[in-house]
Each structure stands twice: as C-alpha cells, then as structure tokens.
PDB file of N, CA and C in Angstrom:
ATOM      1  N   MET A   1    -132.062 -28.217  83.513  1.00  0.00           N
ATOM      2  CA  MET A   1    -132.184 -29.465  82.897  1.00  0.00           C
ATOM      3  C   MET A   1    -131.206 -30.443  83.607  1.00  0.00           C
ATOM      4  N   ILE A   2    -131.639 -31.514  84.198  1.00  0.00           N
ATOM      5  CA  ILE A   2    -130.689 -32.583  84.436  1.00  0.00           C
ATOM      6  C   ILE A   2    -130.013 -33.214  83.305  1.00  0.00           C
ATOM      7  N   THR A   3    -128.716 -33.342  83.293  1.00  0.00           N
ATOM      8  CA  THR A   3    -127.946 -33.741  82.074  1.00  0.00           C
ATOM      9  C   THR A   3    -126.980 -34.637  82.570  1.00  0.00           C
ATOM     10  N   THR A   4    -126.803 -35.893  82.410  1.00  0.00           N
ATOM     11  CA  THR A   4    -125.942 -36.880  82.998  1.00  0.00           C
ATOM     12  C   THR A   4    -125.440 -37.872  81.868  1.00  0.00           C
ATOM     13  N   THR A   5    -124.450 -38.651  82.445  1.00  0.00           N
ATOM     14  CA  THR A   5    -123.779 -39.455  81.628  1.00  0.00           C
ATOM     15  C   THR A   5    -124.310 -40.847  81.877  1.00  0.00           C
ATOM     16  N   THR A   6    -124.842 -40.911  83.041  1.00  0.00           N
ATOM     17  CA  THR A   6    -125.659 -42.297  83.362  1.00  0.00           C
ATOM     18  C   THR A   6    -126.710 -42.391  82.627  1.00  0.00           C
ATOM     19  N   PRO A   7    -127.142 -43.770  82.649  1.00  0.00           N
ATOM     20  CA  PRO A   7    -128.268 -44.170  81.974  1.00  0.00           C
ATOM     21  C   PRO A   7    -129.686 -43.819  82.503  1.00  0.00           C
ATOM     22  N   SER A   8    -129.640 -43.476  83.824  1.00  0.00           N
ATOM     23  CA  SER A   8    -130.652 -43.109  84.686  1.00  0.00           C
ATOM     24  C   SER A   8    -130.390 -41.998  85.746  1.00  0.00           C
ATOM     25  N   VAL A   9    -131.281 -41.576  86.589  1.00  0.00           N
ATOM     26  CA  VAL A   9    -131.030 -40.414  87.727  1.00  0.00           C
ATOM     27  C   VAL A   9    -131.554 -41.160  88.795  1.00  0.00           C
ATOM     28  N   GLU A  10    -130.703 -41.111  89.700  1.00  0.00           N
ATOM     29  CA  GLU A  10    -130.981 -41.839  91.032  1.00  0.00           C
ATOM     30  C   GLU A  10    -132.076 -41.320  91.846  1.00  0.00           C
ATOM     31  N   GLY A  11    -133.067 -41.696  92.119  1.00  0.00           N
ATOM     32  CA  GLY A  11    -134.247 -41.286  92.799  1.00  0.00           C
ATOM     33  C   GLY A  11    -135.385 -40.760  91.901  1.00  0.00           C
ATOM     34  N   LYS A  12    -135.092 -40.884  90.584  1.00  0.00           N
ATOM     35  CA  LYS A  12    -136.162 -40.279  89.661  1.00  0.00           C
ATOM     36  C   LYS A  12    -136.499 -41.521  88.860  1.00  0.00           C
ATOM     37  N   SER A  13    -137.622 -41.718  88.354  1.00  0.00           N
ATOM     38  CA  SER A  13    -138.072 -42.529  87.243  1.00  0.00           C
ATOM     39  C   SER A  13    -138.255 -41.861  86.144  1.00  0.00           C
ATOM     40  N   ILE A  14    -137.905 -42.737  84.926  1.00  0.00           N
ATOM     41  CA  ILE A  14    -137.959 -42.151  83.369  1.00  0.00           C
ATOM     42  C   ILE A  14    -139.507 -42.612  83.174  1.00  0.00           C
ATOM     43  N   THR A  15    -140.317 -41.528  82.733  1.00  0.00           N
ATOM     44  CA  THR A  15    -141.653 -41.857  82.552  1.00  0.00           C
ATOM     45  C   THR A  15    -141.860 -41.941  80.800  1.00  0.00           C
ATOM     46  N   ALA A  16    -140.959 -41.116  79.989  1.00  0.00           N
ATOM     47  CA  ALA A  16    -141.181 -41.119  78.611  1.00  0.00           C
ATOM     48  C   ALA A  16    -139.684 -40.809  78.033  1.00  0.00           C
ATOM     49  N   TYR A  17    -139.390 -41.585  77.034  1.00  0.00           N
ATOM     50  CA  TYR A  17    -138.377 -41.388  76.040  1.00  0.00           C
ATOM     51  C   TYR A  17    -138.540 -40.583  74.903  1.00  0.00           C
ATOM     52  N   HIS A  18    -137.998 -39.487  74.595  1.00  0.00           N
ATOM     53  CA  HIS A  18    -138.084 -38.564  73.346  1.00  0.00           C
ATOM     54  C   HIS A  18    -137.320 -38.868  72.169  1.00  0.00           C
ATOM     55  N   GLY A  19    -136.334 -39.466  72.393  1.00  0.00           N
ATOM     56  CA  GLY A  19    -135.292 -39.748  71.310  1.00  0.00           C
ATOM     57  C   GLY A  19    -133.931 -39.273  71.457  1.00  0.00           C
ATOM     58  N   ILE A  20    -132.981 -39.429  70.572  1.00  0.00           N
ATOM     59  CA  ILE A  20    -131.519 -39.039  70.753  1.00  0.00           C
ATOM     60  C   ILE A  20    -131.731 -37.616  70.381  1.00  0.00           C
ATOM     61  N   VAL A  21    -130.636 -36.721  71.243  1.00  0.00           N
ATOM     62  CA  VAL A  21    -130.482 -35.364  70.972  1.00  0.00           C
ATOM     63  C   VAL A  21    -129.096 -35.122  70.729  1.00  0.00           C
ATOM     64  N   VAL A  22    -128.647 -34.187  69.935  1.00  0.00           N
ATOM     65  CA  VAL A  22    -127.339 -33.914  69.690  1.00  0.00           C
ATOM     66  C   VAL A  22    -127.088 -32.415  69.668  1.00  0.00           C
ATOM     67  N   GLY A  23    -125.862 -32.108  69.934  1.00  0.00           N
ATOM     68  CA  GLY A  23    -125.498 -30.663  69.960  1.00  0.00           C
ATOM     69  C   GLY A  23    -124.057 -30.643  69.420  1.00  0.00           C
ATOM     70  N   GLU A  24    -123.770 -29.617  68.600  1.00  0.00           N
ATOM     71  CA  GLU A  24    -122.474 -29.517  68.048  1.00  0.00           C
ATOM     72  C   GLU A  24    -122.004 -28.159  67.963  1.00  0.00           C
ATOM     73  N   ALA A  25    -120.773 -27.843  68.191  1.00  0.00           N
ATOM     74  CA  ALA A  25    -119.852 -26.695  68.101  1.00  0.00           C
ATOM     75  C   ALA A  25    -118.770 -26.934  67.442  1.00  0.00           C
ATOM     76  N   ILE A  26    -118.459 -25.896  66.561  1.00  0.00           N
ATOM     77  CA  ILE A  26    -117.149 -26.094  65.814  1.00  0.00           C
ATOM     78  C   ILE A  26    -116.539 -24.580  66.013  1.00  0.00           C
ATOM     79  N   LEU A  27    -115.442 -24.668  66.532  1.00  0.00           N
ATOM     80  CA  LEU A  27    -114.782 -23.238  66.944  1.00  0.00           C
ATOM     81  C   LEU A  27    -113.241 -23.202  66.238  1.00  0.00           C
ATOM     82  N   GLY A  28    -112.949 -22.188  65.803  1.00  0.00           N
ATOM     83  CA  GLY A  28    -111.545 -21.928  65.416  1.00  0.00           C
ATOM     84  C   GLY A  28    -110.544 -21.286  66.308  1.00  0.00           C
ATOM     85  N   ALA A  29    -109.446 -21.717  66.344  1.00  0.00           N
ATOM     86  CA  ALA A  29    -108.578 -20.929  67.268  1.00  0.00           C
ATOM     87  C   ALA A  29    -107.653 -20.005  66.274  1.00  0.00           C
ATOM     88  N   ASN A  30    -107.398 -18.822  66.519  1.00  0.00           N
ATOM     89  CA  ASN A  30    -106.802 -17.782  65.740  1.00  0.00           C
ATOM     90  C   ASN A  30    -105.239 -18.125  65.500  1.00  0.00           C
ATOM     91  N   VAL A  31    -104.473 -17.650  64.551  1.00  0.00           N
ATOM     92  CA  VAL A  31    -103.082 -17.866  64.532  1.00  0.00           C
ATOM     93  C   VAL A  31    -102.177 -17.500  65.483  1.00  0.00           C
ATOM     94  N   PHE A  32    -102.590 -16.480  66.295  1.00  0.00           N
ATOM     95  CA  PHE A  32    -101.549 -16.146  67.354  1.00  0.00           C
ATOM     96  C   PHE A  32    -101.675 -17.021  68.497  1.00  0.00           C
ATOM     97  N   ARG A  33    -102.927 -17.562  68.823  1.00  0.00           N
ATOM     98  CA  ARG A  33    -103.333 -18.527  69.798  1.00  0.00           C
ATOM     99  C   ARG A  33    -102.364 -19.879  69.449  1.00  0.00           C
ATOM    100  N   ASP A  34    -102.606 -20.190  67.949  1.00  0.00           N
ATOM    101  CA  ASP A  34    -102.149 -21.423  67.686  1.00  0.00           C
ATOM    102  C   ASP A  34    -100.438 -21.160  67.817  1.00  0.00           C
ATOM    103  N   LEU A  35     -99.690 -20.317  67.566  1.00  0.00           N
ATOM    104  CA  LEU A  35     -98.366 -20.008  67.664  1.00  0.00           C
ATOM    105  C   LEU A  35     -97.956 -20.268  69.254  1.00  0.00           C
ATOM    106  N   PHE A  36     -98.631 -19.390  69.927  1.00  0.00           N
ATOM    107  CA  PHE A  36     -98.436 -19.369  71.484  1.00  0.00           C
ATOM    108  C   PHE A  36     -98.739 -20.755  72.039  1.00  0.00           C
ATOM    109  N   ALA A  37     -99.580 -21.477  71.694  1.00  0.00           N
ATOM    110  CA  ALA A  37     -99.766 -22.969  72.143  1.00  0.00           C
ATOM    111  C   ALA A  37     -98.719 -23.859  71.671  1.00  0.00           C
ATOM    112  N   GLY A  38     -98.211 -23.653  70.555  1.00  0.00           N
ATOM    113  CA  GLY A  38     -96.994 -24.435  70.135  1.00  0.00           C
ATOM    114  C   GLY A  38     -95.799 -24.297  70.958  1.00  0.00           C
ATOM    115  N   ILE A  39     -95.628 -22.840  71.324  1.00  0.00           N
ATOM    116  CA  ILE A  39     -94.471 -22.624  72.082  1.00  0.00           C
ATOM    117  C   ILE A  39     -94.667 -23.257  73.456  1.00  0.00           C
ATOM    118  N   THR A  40     -95.765 -22.963  74.019  1.00  0.00           N
ATOM    119  CA  THR A  40     -96.241 -23.435  75.357  1.00  0.00           C
ATOM    120  C   THR A  40     -95.875 -25.098  75.295  1.00  0.00           C
ATOM    121  N   ASP A  41     -96.328 -25.681  74.357  1.00  0.00           N
ATOM    122  CA  ASP A  41     -96.167 -27.120  74.211  1.00  0.00           C
ATOM    123  C   ASP A  41     -94.618 -27.589  74.216  1.00  0.00           C
ATOM    124  N   ILE A  42     -93.858 -26.718  73.784  1.00  0.00           N
ATOM    125  CA  ILE A  42     -92.477 -27.017  73.734  1.00  0.00           C
ATOM    126  C   ILE A  42     -91.709 -26.918  75.106  1.00  0.00           C
ATOM    127  N   ILE A  43     -92.281 -25.708  75.745  1.00  0.00           N
ATOM    128  CA  ILE A  43     -91.520 -25.540  77.141  1.00  0.00           C
ATOM    129  C   ILE A  43     -92.442 -26.046  78.278  1.00  0.00           C
ATOM    130  N   GLY A  44     -93.433 -26.927  77.984  1.00  0.00           N
ATOM    131  CA  GLY A  44     -93.925 -27.930  78.772  1.00  0.00           C
ATOM    132  C   GLY A  44     -94.969 -27.097  79.684  1.00  0.00           C
ATOM    133  N   GLY A  45     -95.793 -26.206  79.289  1.00  0.00           N
ATOM    134  CA  GLY A  45     -96.719 -25.525  79.949  1.00  0.00           C
ATOM    135  C   GLY A  45     -98.041 -26.130  79.430  1.00  0.00           C
ATOM    136  N   ARG A  46     -99.088 -25.420  80.005  1.00  0.00           N
ATOM    137  CA  ARG A  46    -100.535 -25.748  79.523  1.00  0.00           C
ATOM    138  C   ARG A  46    -100.894 -24.599  78.547  1.00  0.00           C
ATOM    139  N   SER A  47    -101.910 -24.847  77.569  1.00  0.00           N
ATOM    140  CA  SER A  47    -102.152 -24.112  76.719  1.00  0.00           C
ATOM    141  C   SER A  47    -103.435 -23.549  76.975  1.00  0.00           C
ATOM    142  N   GLY A  48    -103.579 -22.240  77.738  1.00  0.00           N
ATOM    143  CA  GLY A  48    -104.888 -21.661  78.326  1.00  0.00           C
ATOM    144  C   GLY A  48    -105.747 -21.287  77.158  1.00  0.00           C
ATOM    145  N   ALA A  49    -105.218 -20.827  76.044  1.00  0.00           N
ATOM    146  CA  ALA A  49    -106.003 -20.464  74.783  1.00  0.00           C
ATOM    147  C   ALA A  49    -106.811 -21.603  74.351  1.00  0.00           C
ATOM    148  N   TYR A  50    -106.213 -22.780  74.237  1.00  0.00           N
ATOM    149  CA  TYR A  50    -106.968 -23.897  73.763  1.00  0.00           C
ATOM    150  C   TYR A  50    -108.059 -24.574  74.878  1.00  0.00           C
ATOM    151  N   GLU A  51    -107.429 -24.343  76.088  1.00  0.00           N
ATOM    152  CA  GLU A  51    -108.354 -24.788  77.255  1.00  0.00           C
ATOM    153  C   GLU A  51    -109.600 -23.846  77.180  1.00  0.00           C
ATOM    154  N   GLU A  52    -109.680 -22.518  76.872  1.00  0.00           N
ATOM    155  CA  GLU A  52    -110.639 -21.837  76.731  1.00  0.00           C
ATOM    156  C   GLU A  52    -111.620 -22.084  75.673  1.00  0.00           C
ATOM    157  N   GLU A  53    -110.974 -22.516  74.461  1.00  0.00           N
ATOM    158  CA  GLU A  53    -111.765 -22.663  73.322  1.00  0.00           C
ATOM    159  C   GLU A  53    -112.546 -24.100  73.464  1.00  0.00           C
ATOM    160  N   LEU A  54    -111.942 -24.969  74.034  1.00  0.00           N
ATOM    161  CA  LEU A  54    -112.506 -26.104  74.242  1.00  0.00           C
ATOM    162  C   LEU A  54    -113.512 -25.988  75.397  1.00  0.00           C
ATOM    163  N   ALA A  55    -113.640 -25.298  76.475  1.00  0.00           N
ATOM    164  CA  ALA A  55    -114.605 -25.057  77.447  1.00  0.00           C
ATOM    165  C   ALA A  55    -115.703 -24.385  76.651  1.00  0.00           C
ATOM    166  N   LYS A  56    -115.537 -23.357  75.803  1.00  0.00           N
ATOM    167  CA  LYS A  56    -116.500 -22.658  75.079  1.00  0.00           C
ATOM    168  C   LYS A  56    -117.341 -23.761  74.164  1.00  0.00           C
ATOM    169  N   ALA A  57    -116.504 -24.538  73.281  1.00  0.00           N
ATOM    170  CA  ALA A  57    -117.109 -25.436  72.599  1.00  0.00           C
ATOM    171  C   ALA A  57    -118.124 -26.690  73.228  1.00  0.00           C
ATOM    172  N   ARG A  58    -117.485 -27.062  74.254  1.00  0.00           N
ATOM    173  CA  ARG A  58    -118.195 -27.837  75.269  1.00  0.00           C
ATOM    174  C   ARG A  58    -119.555 -27.367  75.633  1.00  0.00           C
ATOM    175  N   THR A  59    -119.532 -26.086  76.141  1.00  0.00           N
ATOM    176  CA  THR A  59    -120.699 -25.534  76.726  1.00  0.00           C
ATOM    177  C   THR A  59    -121.688 -25.361  75.590  1.00  0.00           C
ATOM    178  N   VAL A  60    -121.146 -24.839  74.533  1.00  0.00           N
ATOM    179  CA  VAL A  60    -122.180 -24.488  73.268  1.00  0.00           C
ATOM    180  C   VAL A  60    -122.802 -25.873  72.870  1.00  0.00           C
ATOM    181  N   ALA A  61    -122.329 -27.041  72.785  1.00  0.00           N
ATOM    182  CA  ALA A  61    -122.551 -28.239  72.452  1.00  0.00           C
ATOM    183  C   ALA A  61    -123.623 -28.824  73.386  1.00  0.00           C
ATOM    184  N   LEU A  62    -123.362 -28.730  74.799  1.00  0.00           N
ATOM    185  CA  LEU A  62    -124.311 -29.252  75.640  1.00  0.00           C
ATOM    186  C   LEU A  62    -125.504 -28.440  75.654  1.00  0.00           C
ATOM    187  N   GLU A  63    -125.521 -26.974  75.532  1.00  0.00           N
ATOM    188  CA  GLU A  63    -126.636 -26.133  75.591  1.00  0.00           C
ATOM    189  C   GLU A  63    -127.632 -26.600  74.519  1.00  0.00           C
ATOM    190  N   GLU A  64    -127.010 -26.605  73.261  1.00  0.00           N
ATOM    191  CA  GLU A  64    -127.838 -26.811  71.985  1.00  0.00           C
ATOM    192  C   GLU A  64    -128.409 -28.086  72.076  1.00  0.00           C
ATOM    193  N   MET A  65    -127.799 -29.298  72.829  1.00  0.00           N
ATOM    194  CA  MET A  65    -128.200 -30.444  73.143  1.00  0.00           C
ATOM    195  C   MET A  65    -129.529 -30.631  74.076  1.00  0.00           C
ATOM    196  N   GLN A  66    -129.263 -29.716  74.957  1.00  0.00           N
ATOM    197  CA  GLN A  66    -130.440 -29.528  76.251  1.00  0.00           C
ATOM    198  C   GLN A  66    -131.605 -28.773  75.411  1.00  0.00           C
ATOM    199  N   ASP A  67    -131.353 -27.855  74.546  1.00  0.00           N
ATOM    200  CA  ASP A  67    -132.298 -27.028  73.642  1.00  0.00           C
ATOM    201  C   ASP A  67    -133.195 -27.960  72.894  1.00  0.00           C
ATOM    202  N   ARG A  68    -132.623 -28.751  72.391  1.00  0.00           N
ATOM    203  CA  ARG A  68    -133.370 -29.743  71.378  1.00  0.00           C
ATOM    204  C   ARG A  68    -134.086 -30.767  72.220  1.00  0.00           C
ATOM    205  N   ALA A  69    -133.685 -31.172  73.200  1.00  0.00           N
ATOM    206  CA  ALA A  69    -134.416 -31.896  74.463  1.00  0.00           C
ATOM    207  C   ALA A  69    -135.641 -31.282  74.856  1.00  0.00           C
ATOM    208  N   ARG A  70    -135.494 -29.907  75.029  1.00  0.00           N
ATOM    209  CA  ARG A  70    -136.653 -29.105  75.725  1.00  0.00           C
ATOM    210  C   ARG A  70    -137.721 -29.076  74.749  1.00  0.00           C
ATOM    211  N   ASP A  71    -137.224 -28.912  73.692  1.00  0.00           N
ATOM    212  CA  ASP A  71    -138.148 -28.843  72.196  1.00  0.00           C
ATOM    213  C   ASP A  71    -139.062 -30.116  71.875  1.00  0.00           C
ATOM    214  N   LEU A  72    -138.225 -31.065  72.408  1.00  0.00           N
ATOM    215  CA  LEU A  72    -139.150 -32.508  72.347  1.00  0.00           C
ATOM    216  C   LEU A  72    -140.087 -32.750  73.528  1.00  0.00           C
ATOM    217  N   GLY A  73    -139.889 -31.748  74.572  1.00  0.00           N
ATOM    218  CA  GLY A  73    -140.725 -32.035  75.787  1.00  0.00           C
ATOM    219  C   GLY A  73    -140.016 -32.660  76.919  1.00  0.00           C
ATOM    220  N   ALA A  74    -138.658 -32.741  76.816  1.00  0.00           N
ATOM    221  CA  ALA A  74    -138.051 -33.628  77.896  1.00  0.00           C
ATOM    222  C   ALA A  74    -137.621 -32.713  79.068  1.00  0.00           C
ATOM    223  N   ASN A  75    -137.461 -33.193  79.912  1.00  0.00           N
ATOM    224  CA  ASN A  75    -136.923 -32.330  81.276  1.00  0.00           C
ATOM    225  C   ASN A  75    -135.423 -32.971  81.704  1.00  0.00           C
ATOM    226  N   ALA A  76    -135.031 -33.869  81.029  1.00  0.00           N
ATOM    227  CA  ALA A  76    -133.578 -34.279  81.384  1.00  0.00           C
ATOM    228  C   ALA A  76    -132.847 -35.160  80.181  1.00  0.00           C
ATOM    229  N   VAL A  77    -131.700 -35.278  80.123  1.00  0.00           N
ATOM    230  CA  VAL A  77    -131.002 -35.975  78.977  1.00  0.00           C
ATOM    231  C   VAL A  77    -129.941 -36.904  79.716  1.00  0.00           C
ATOM    232  N   VAL A  78    -130.046 -38.279  79.320  1.00  0.00           N
ATOM    233  CA  VAL A  78    -129.422 -39.252  80.058  1.00  0.00           C
ATOM    234  C   VAL A  78    -128.421 -39.951  78.898  1.00  0.00           C
ATOM    235  N   GLY A  79    -127.345 -40.432  79.375  1.00  0.00           N
ATOM    236  CA  GLY A  79    -126.323 -41.388  78.746  1.00  0.00           C
ATOM    237  C   GLY A  79    -125.689 -40.250  77.649  1.00  0.00           C
ATOM    238  N   VAL A  80    -125.236 -39.245  78.155  1.00  0.00           N
ATOM    239  CA  VAL A  80    -124.563 -38.049  77.464  1.00  0.00           C
ATOM    240  C   VAL A  80    -123.162 -38.431  77.175  1.00  0.00           C
ATOM    241  N   ASP A  81    -122.650 -38.376  76.003  1.00  0.00           N
ATOM    242  CA  ASP A  81    -121.607 -38.678  75.392  1.00  0.00           C
ATOM    243  C   ASP A  81    -120.966 -37.483  74.820  1.00  0.00           C
ATOM    244  N   LEU A  82    -119.766 -37.111  75.146  1.00  0.00           N
ATOM    245  CA  LEU A  82    -119.143 -35.784  74.588  1.00  0.00           C
ATOM    246  C   LEU A  82    -117.985 -36.553  73.772  1.00  0.00           C
ATOM    247  N   ASP A  83    -117.636 -35.985  72.556  1.00  0.00           N
ATOM    248  CA  ASP A  83    -116.567 -36.485  71.453  1.00  0.00           C
ATOM    249  C   ASP A  83    -116.060 -35.113  71.155  1.00  0.00           C
ATOM    250  N   TYR A  84    -114.631 -35.363  70.886  1.00  0.00           N
ATOM    251  CA  TYR A  84    -113.962 -34.093  70.390  1.00  0.00           C
ATOM    252  C   TYR A  84    -113.111 -34.437  69.043  1.00  0.00           C
ATOM    253  N   GLU A  85    -112.875 -33.561  68.233  1.00  0.00           N
ATOM    254  CA  GLU A  85    -112.352 -33.805  67.004  1.00  0.00           C
ATOM    255  C   GLU A  85    -111.573 -32.520  66.550  1.00  0.00           C
ATOM    256  N   VAL A  86    -110.602 -32.687  65.875  1.00  0.00           N
ATOM    257  CA  VAL A  86    -109.981 -31.538  64.998  1.00  0.00           C
ATOM    258  C   VAL A  86    -110.176 -31.616  63.769  1.00  0.00           C
ATOM    259  N   ILE A  87    -110.567 -30.671  63.033  1.00  0.00           N
ATOM    260  CA  ILE A  87    -111.008 -30.790  61.694  1.00  0.00           C
ATOM    261  C   ILE A  87    -110.581 -29.323  60.957  1.00  0.00           C
ATOM    262  N   ASN A  88    -109.238 -29.483  60.148  1.00  0.00           N
ATOM    263  CA  ASN A  88    -108.787 -28.453  59.594  1.00  0.00           C
ATOM    264  C   ASN A  88    -108.591 -27.269  60.413  1.00  0.00           C
ATOM    265  N   ASN A  89    -107.827 -27.529  61.361  1.00  0.00           N
ATOM    266  CA  ASN A  89    -107.295 -26.415  62.578  1.00  0.00           C
ATOM    267  C   ASN A  89    -108.570 -26.043  63.054  1.00  0.00           C
ATOM    268  N   MET A  90    -109.903 -26.778  63.076  1.00  0.00           N
ATOM    269  CA  MET A  90    -110.882 -26.172  63.991  1.00  0.00           C
ATOM    270  C   MET A  90    -111.159 -27.261  64.975  1.00  0.00           C
ATOM    271  N   LEU A  91    -111.650 -26.860  65.980  1.00  0.00           N
ATOM    272  CA  LEU A  91    -112.148 -27.717  67.005  1.00  0.00           C
ATOM    273  C   LEU A  91    -113.709 -28.061  67.134  1.00  0.00           C
ATOM    274  N   MET A  92    -114.005 -29.220  66.910  1.00  0.00           N
ATOM    275  CA  MET A  92    -115.347 -29.722  66.932  1.00  0.00           C
ATOM    276  C   MET A  92    -115.719 -30.610  68.323  1.00  0.00           C
ATOM    277  N   VAL A  93    -116.762 -30.085  69.010  1.00  0.00           N
ATOM    278  CA  VAL A  93    -117.357 -30.908  69.961  1.00  0.00           C
ATOM    279  C   VAL A  93    -118.681 -31.283  69.754  1.00  0.00           C
ATOM    280  N   SER A  94    -118.983 -32.529  69.901  1.00  0.00           N
ATOM    281  CA  SER A  94    -120.305 -32.823  69.975  1.00  0.00           C
ATOM    282  C   SER A  94    -120.868 -33.556  71.001  1.00  0.00           C
ATOM    283  N   ALA A  95    -122.065 -33.415  71.436  1.00  0.00           N
ATOM    284  CA  ALA A  95    -122.698 -34.075  72.705  1.00  0.00           C
ATOM    285  C   ALA A  95    -123.861 -34.674  72.340  1.00  0.00           C
ATOM    286  N   SER A  96    -124.093 -35.788  72.654  1.00  0.00           N
ATOM    287  CA  SER A  96    -125.354 -36.639  72.208  1.00  0.00           C
ATOM    288  C   SER A  96    -126.024 -37.421  73.677  1.00  0.00           C
ATOM    289  N   GLY A  97    -127.130 -37.629  73.644  1.00  0.00           N
ATOM    290  CA  GLY A  97    -127.767 -38.223  74.465  1.00  0.00           C
ATOM    291  C   GLY A  97    -129.326 -38.529  74.332  1.00  0.00           C
ATOM    292  N   THR A  98    -129.933 -39.155  75.316  1.00  0.00           N
ATOM    293  CA  THR A  98    -131.264 -39.549  75.317  1.00  0.00           C
ATOM    294  C   THR A  98    -132.221 -38.410  75.981  1.00  0.00           C
ATOM    295  N   ALA A  99    -133.073 -37.867  75.251  1.00  0.00           N
ATOM    296  CA  ALA A  99    -133.945 -36.884  75.932  1.00  0.00           C
ATOM    297  C   ALA A  99    -135.104 -37.863  76.466  1.00  0.00           C
ATOM    298  N   VAL A 100    -135.361 -37.522  78.045  1.00  0.00           N
ATOM    299  CA  VAL A 100    -136.306 -38.219  78.618  1.00  0.00           C
ATOM    300  C   VAL A 100    -137.198 -37.221  79.615  1.00  0.00           C
ATOM    301  N   SER A 101    -138.290 -37.689  80.033  1.00  0.00           N
ATOM    302  CA  SER A 101    -139.117 -37.074  80.927  1.00  0.00           C
ATOM    303  C   SER A 101    -138.988 -37.928  82.315  1.00  0.00           C
ATOM    304  N   LEU A 102    -138.511 -37.189  83.312  1.00  0.00           N
ATOM    305  CA  LEU A 102    -138.363 -37.870  84.627  1.00  0.00           C
ATOM    306  C   LEU A 102    -139.618 -37.371  85.582  1.00  0.00           C
ATOM    307  N   ALA A 103    -140.106 -38.268  86.350  1.00  0.00           N
ATOM    308  CA  ALA A 103    -141.132 -38.026  87.410  1.00  0.00           C
ATOM    309  C   ALA A 103    -140.255 -37.974  88.690  1.00  0.00           C
TER     310      ALA A 103
END
C-alpha cells in the first residue's frame, strides 16, 4: 500500500476518498532500559533501547493505519502525519492520514 506524507501521488490520480484513518501504538520501556538511557544521555551517546522502541511503535502505528485503510477499500493513504508523545513513561506514536483509491 502506498503511504505518503504528500497530499497526492505523482503519476496517479485519486478516484475516491474513504475518510481519515488512524493507527496508534503505546509501548513501554523497561526499567533497565530507562536506567541505561539515562546514563547514555549523561555521557553523550545515543540511546539504542529507545530508538528500537520508537521504531517498533512507528511500525505498529503505520501498519494499523494501513489495515484500517484496506478495510475501507483504499489502496493508498495520503497526507500521513506521525505524532509522538510520552505518557507516564510510555511511548505513544499515532499515525493519521486520508485513505484513498488511486488509479
């Protein structure tokens, strides 16, 4: 399924709009990862544990959004927006866009 942040897909025309679709993922990082991330931040490195969690959450949110678009009969999602939040030591990623049919 074509998924893009742009409002259209070059070379394709939108033949139908199916509505807004959303996918969310909330993942927690365990205590040891939190501790290691804090140490990494102090010494100036990158936090691999958080990067892995972020990548997982983003993938889950995008896949859920695409599944909802498929359920509506769409073959693409345009205007995709990703939002990131931290809620009570948990990472939330939400993906939203417009489900469309392309010709």
